[in-house]
């Protein structure tokens, strides 16, 4: 029986836009100083993609469960509990 390998890291679906923006950032990181004639075009493309797809309205993932107050112990005064003691 074959076992599937588990992927390490984030199990997040990357959008087409995110992948393109990531590729432009990678190009700028690696080739900005080496390809001087293309650098301004990639910088402009990065600015346009960033402004179009990265917004301040990205949802924040909630972590854990909501906090609840601890219940206080209430003494029970039922007849059955008094008879047993």
N, C-alpha and C. Protein backbone atom coordinates (compact mmCIF):
# COMPACT_ATOMS: atom_id res chain seq x y z
N UNK A 1 0.84 -1.18 0.00
CA UNK A 1 0.00 0.00 0.00
C UNK A 1 0.89 1.24 0.00
N UNK A 2 0.64 2.18 -0.90
CA UNK A 2 1.44 3.38 -1.01
C UNK A 2 0.94 4.44 -0.05
N UNK A 3 1.86 5.09 0.61
CA UNK A 3 1.50 6.17 1.52
C UNK A 3 1.72 7.49 0.80
N UNK A 4 0.82 8.42 1.00
CA UNK A 4 0.98 9.75 0.43
C UNK A 4 1.93 10.55 1.30
N UNK A 5 2.81 11.28 0.65
CA UNK A 5 3.71 12.15 1.41
C UNK A 5 2.96 13.39 1.85
N UNK A 6 3.19 13.77 3.07
CA UNK A 6 2.57 14.98 3.57
C UNK A 6 3.39 16.18 3.13
N UNK A 7 2.68 17.21 2.71
CA UNK A 7 3.36 18.45 2.31
C UNK A 7 3.72 19.22 3.56
N UNK A 8 4.91 19.73 3.56
CA UNK A 8 5.32 20.56 4.69
C UNK A 8 5.05 22.01 4.36
N UNK A 9 4.83 22.81 5.36
CA UNK A 9 4.59 24.23 5.14
C UNK A 9 3.10 24.53 5.12
N UNK A 10 2.76 25.61 4.43
CA UNK A 10 1.39 26.08 4.41
C UNK A 10 0.56 25.29 3.41
N UNK A 11 -0.63 24.91 3.79
CA UNK A 11 -1.58 24.30 2.86
C UNK A 11 -2.51 25.39 2.38
N UNK A 12 -1.97 26.27 1.58
CA UNK A 12 -2.72 27.43 1.15
C UNK A 12 -2.78 27.43 -0.37
N UNK A 13 -3.94 27.65 -0.93
CA UNK A 13 -4.10 27.73 -2.37
C UNK A 13 -3.61 29.09 -2.83
N UNK A 14 -2.62 29.09 -3.69
CA UNK A 14 -2.08 30.35 -4.20
C UNK A 14 -2.88 30.77 -5.42
N UNK A 15 -3.25 32.04 -5.46
CA UNK A 15 -3.99 32.54 -6.60
C UNK A 15 -3.03 32.86 -7.74
N UNK A 16 -3.59 32.99 -8.92
CA UNK A 16 -2.79 33.32 -10.10
C UNK A 16 -2.10 34.67 -9.90
N UNK A 17 -2.81 35.62 -9.34
CA UNK A 17 -2.26 36.95 -9.12
C UNK A 17 -1.09 36.92 -8.13
N UNK A 18 -1.26 36.11 -7.06
CA UNK A 18 -0.19 36.00 -6.07
C UNK A 18 1.06 35.41 -6.70
N UNK A 19 0.88 34.39 -7.53
CA UNK A 19 2.02 33.75 -8.18
C UNK A 19 2.75 34.72 -9.11
N UNK A 20 2.01 35.52 -9.85
CA UNK A 20 2.63 36.50 -10.75
C UNK A 20 3.39 37.55 -9.94
N UNK A 21 2.78 38.07 -8.89
CA UNK A 21 3.44 39.05 -8.04
C UNK A 21 4.70 38.46 -7.41
N UNK A 22 4.63 37.22 -6.98
CA UNK A 22 5.78 36.56 -6.39
C UNK A 22 6.91 36.39 -7.40
N UNK A 23 6.56 36.08 -8.66
CA UNK A 23 7.57 35.94 -9.71
C UNK A 23 8.25 37.28 -10.01
N UNK A 24 7.48 38.35 -10.02
CA UNK A 24 8.06 39.69 -10.25
C UNK A 24 9.00 40.06 -9.10
N UNK A 25 8.58 39.78 -7.88
CA UNK A 25 9.44 40.07 -6.72
C UNK A 25 10.73 39.25 -6.78
N UNK A 26 10.61 37.99 -7.18
CA UNK A 26 11.80 37.14 -7.28
C UNK A 26 12.75 37.67 -8.35
N UNK A 27 12.20 38.12 -9.48
CA UNK A 27 13.05 38.68 -10.54
C UNK A 27 13.78 39.91 -10.02
N UNK A 28 13.05 40.80 -9.36
CA UNK A 28 13.67 42.02 -8.84
C UNK A 28 14.76 41.68 -7.82
N UNK A 29 14.50 40.70 -6.99
CA UNK A 29 15.47 40.33 -5.96
C UNK A 29 16.76 39.78 -6.60
N UNK A 30 16.62 38.97 -7.64
CA UNK A 30 17.77 38.30 -8.23
C UNK A 30 18.47 39.07 -9.34
N UNK A 31 17.72 39.87 -10.11
CA UNK A 31 18.29 40.46 -11.32
C UNK A 31 18.25 41.99 -11.36
N UNK A 32 17.82 42.63 -10.30
CA UNK A 32 17.67 44.10 -10.31
C UNK A 32 18.97 44.80 -10.69
N UNK A 33 20.09 44.34 -10.16
CA UNK A 33 21.37 44.99 -10.44
C UNK A 33 22.00 44.50 -11.74
N UNK A 34 21.60 43.35 -12.24
CA UNK A 34 22.24 42.75 -13.42
C UNK A 34 21.56 43.17 -14.72
N UNK A 35 20.27 43.36 -14.71
CA UNK A 35 19.51 43.71 -15.91
C UNK A 35 18.97 45.13 -15.77
N UNK A 36 19.82 46.08 -15.95
CA UNK A 36 19.45 47.47 -15.68
C UNK A 36 18.40 48.02 -16.64
N UNK A 37 18.35 47.54 -17.88
CA UNK A 37 17.37 48.08 -18.81
C UNK A 37 15.96 47.55 -18.57
N UNK A 38 15.82 46.38 -17.96
CA UNK A 38 14.50 45.82 -17.65
C UNK A 38 14.00 46.18 -16.26
N UNK A 39 14.90 46.59 -15.39
CA UNK A 39 14.54 46.85 -14.00
C UNK A 39 13.41 47.87 -13.84
N UNK A 40 13.42 49.01 -14.53
CA UNK A 40 12.30 49.96 -14.36
C UNK A 40 10.94 49.37 -14.74
N UNK A 41 10.92 48.54 -15.78
CA UNK A 41 9.66 47.91 -16.18
C UNK A 41 9.16 46.94 -15.12
N UNK A 42 10.06 46.16 -14.55
CA UNK A 42 9.67 45.22 -13.49
C UNK A 42 9.25 45.97 -12.22
N UNK A 43 9.90 47.08 -11.91
CA UNK A 43 9.51 47.86 -10.74
C UNK A 43 8.11 48.45 -10.93
N UNK A 44 7.82 48.93 -12.13
CA UNK A 44 6.48 49.46 -12.42
C UNK A 44 5.44 48.35 -12.35
N UNK A 45 5.76 47.20 -12.92
CA UNK A 45 4.85 46.06 -12.88
C UNK A 45 4.59 45.62 -11.44
N UNK A 46 5.65 45.59 -10.62
CA UNK A 46 5.49 45.23 -9.21
C UNK A 46 4.57 46.21 -8.50
N UNK A 47 4.75 47.48 -8.75
CA UNK A 47 3.91 48.51 -8.11
C UNK A 47 2.45 48.34 -8.51
N UNK A 48 2.19 48.11 -9.82
CA UNK A 48 0.82 47.94 -10.30
C UNK A 48 0.17 46.68 -9.72
N UNK A 49 0.89 45.57 -9.72
CA UNK A 49 0.34 44.33 -9.18
C UNK A 49 0.10 44.44 -7.68
N UNK A 50 1.03 45.04 -6.98
CA UNK A 50 0.90 45.18 -5.53
C UNK A 50 -0.34 46.02 -5.19
N UNK A 51 -0.49 47.14 -5.89
CA UNK A 51 -1.64 48.01 -5.62
C UNK A 51 -2.96 47.36 -6.01
N UNK A 52 -2.95 46.52 -7.03
CA UNK A 52 -4.18 45.88 -7.49
C UNK A 52 -4.61 44.71 -6.61
N UNK A 53 -3.66 43.93 -6.12
CA UNK A 53 -4.02 42.68 -5.46
C UNK A 53 -3.77 42.63 -3.96
N UNK A 54 -2.90 43.47 -3.46
CA UNK A 54 -2.63 43.48 -2.02
C UNK A 54 -3.39 44.66 -1.43
N UNK A 55 -4.36 44.35 -0.58
CA UNK A 55 -5.17 45.40 0.04
C UNK A 55 -5.07 45.30 1.54
N UNK A 56 -5.54 46.32 2.19
CA UNK A 56 -5.57 46.31 3.66
C UNK A 56 -6.76 45.53 4.18
N UNK A 57 -7.62 45.06 3.29
CA UNK A 57 -8.82 44.36 3.70
C UNK A 57 -8.64 42.85 3.73
N UNK A 58 -7.40 42.37 3.78
CA UNK A 58 -7.19 40.93 3.83
C UNK A 58 -7.72 40.40 5.15
N UNK A 59 -8.45 39.29 5.12
CA UNK A 59 -9.06 38.78 6.35
C UNK A 59 -8.00 38.25 7.31
N UNK A 60 -8.24 38.49 8.59
CA UNK A 60 -7.35 38.01 9.63
C UNK A 60 -7.93 36.71 10.17
N UNK A 61 -7.12 35.69 10.21
CA UNK A 61 -7.60 34.40 10.67
C UNK A 61 -7.72 34.41 12.19
N UNK A 62 -8.89 33.99 12.68
CA UNK A 62 -9.08 33.89 14.12
C UNK A 62 -8.27 32.73 14.66
N UNK A 63 -7.77 32.88 15.84
CA UNK A 63 -6.97 31.82 16.43
C UNK A 63 -7.69 31.26 17.63
N UNK A 64 -7.81 29.96 17.69
CA UNK A 64 -8.35 29.29 18.87
C UNK A 64 -9.84 29.53 19.07
N UNK A 65 -10.27 29.24 20.24
CA UNK A 65 -11.69 29.44 20.57
C UNK A 65 -11.84 30.69 21.42
N UNK A 66 -13.03 31.26 21.46
CA UNK A 66 -13.22 32.48 22.24
C UNK A 66 -13.07 32.21 23.74
N UNK A 67 -12.56 33.18 24.45
CA UNK A 67 -12.37 33.03 25.89
C UNK A 67 -13.72 33.05 26.60
N UNK A 68 -13.87 32.21 27.59
CA UNK A 68 -15.10 32.16 28.39
C UNK A 68 -14.72 32.28 29.85
N UNK A 69 -15.61 32.87 30.60
CA UNK A 69 -15.35 33.00 32.04
C UNK A 69 -15.48 31.63 32.71
N UNK A 70 -14.67 31.46 33.74
CA UNK A 70 -14.72 30.22 34.49
C UNK A 70 -16.00 30.20 35.30
N UNK A 71 -16.65 29.05 35.31
CA UNK A 71 -17.88 28.94 36.09
C UNK A 71 -17.57 28.90 37.57
N UNK A 72 -18.42 29.55 38.32
CA UNK A 72 -18.24 29.53 39.78
C UNK A 72 -18.97 28.32 40.34
N UNK A 73 -18.42 27.78 41.42
CA UNK A 73 -19.04 26.62 42.05
C UNK A 73 -20.24 27.10 42.86
N UNK A 74 -21.34 26.45 42.63
CA UNK A 74 -22.54 26.78 43.40
C UNK A 74 -22.85 25.59 44.29
N UNK A 75 -23.01 25.86 45.56
CA UNK A 75 -23.33 24.78 46.50
C UNK A 75 -24.75 24.31 46.27
N UNK A 76 -24.91 23.02 46.15
CA UNK A 76 -26.27 22.52 45.93
C UNK A 76 -26.87 22.19 47.29
N UNK A 77 -28.07 22.59 47.46
CA UNK A 77 -28.75 22.36 48.75
C UNK A 77 -29.93 21.42 48.57
N UNK A 78 -29.76 20.43 47.74
CA UNK A 78 -30.88 19.48 47.52
C UNK A 78 -30.95 18.52 48.69
N UNK A 79 -32.09 17.96 48.91
CA UNK A 79 -32.31 17.03 50.00
C UNK A 79 -31.47 15.76 49.84
N UNK A 80 -31.29 15.28 48.64
CA UNK A 80 -30.55 14.04 48.40
C UNK A 80 -29.10 14.20 48.81
N UNK A 81 -28.51 15.33 48.55
CA UNK A 81 -27.10 15.50 48.89
C UNK A 81 -26.91 15.64 50.40
N UNK A 82 -27.88 16.17 51.09
CA UNK A 82 -27.78 16.32 52.54
C UNK A 82 -27.90 14.97 53.25
N UNK A 83 -28.70 14.06 52.69
CA UNK A 83 -28.90 12.76 53.33
C UNK A 83 -27.67 11.89 53.23
N UNK A 84 -26.88 12.02 52.14
CA UNK A 84 -25.73 11.16 51.95
C UNK A 84 -24.58 11.54 52.87
N UNK A 85 -24.47 12.78 53.29
CA UNK A 85 -23.32 13.19 54.09
C UNK A 85 -23.44 12.90 55.53
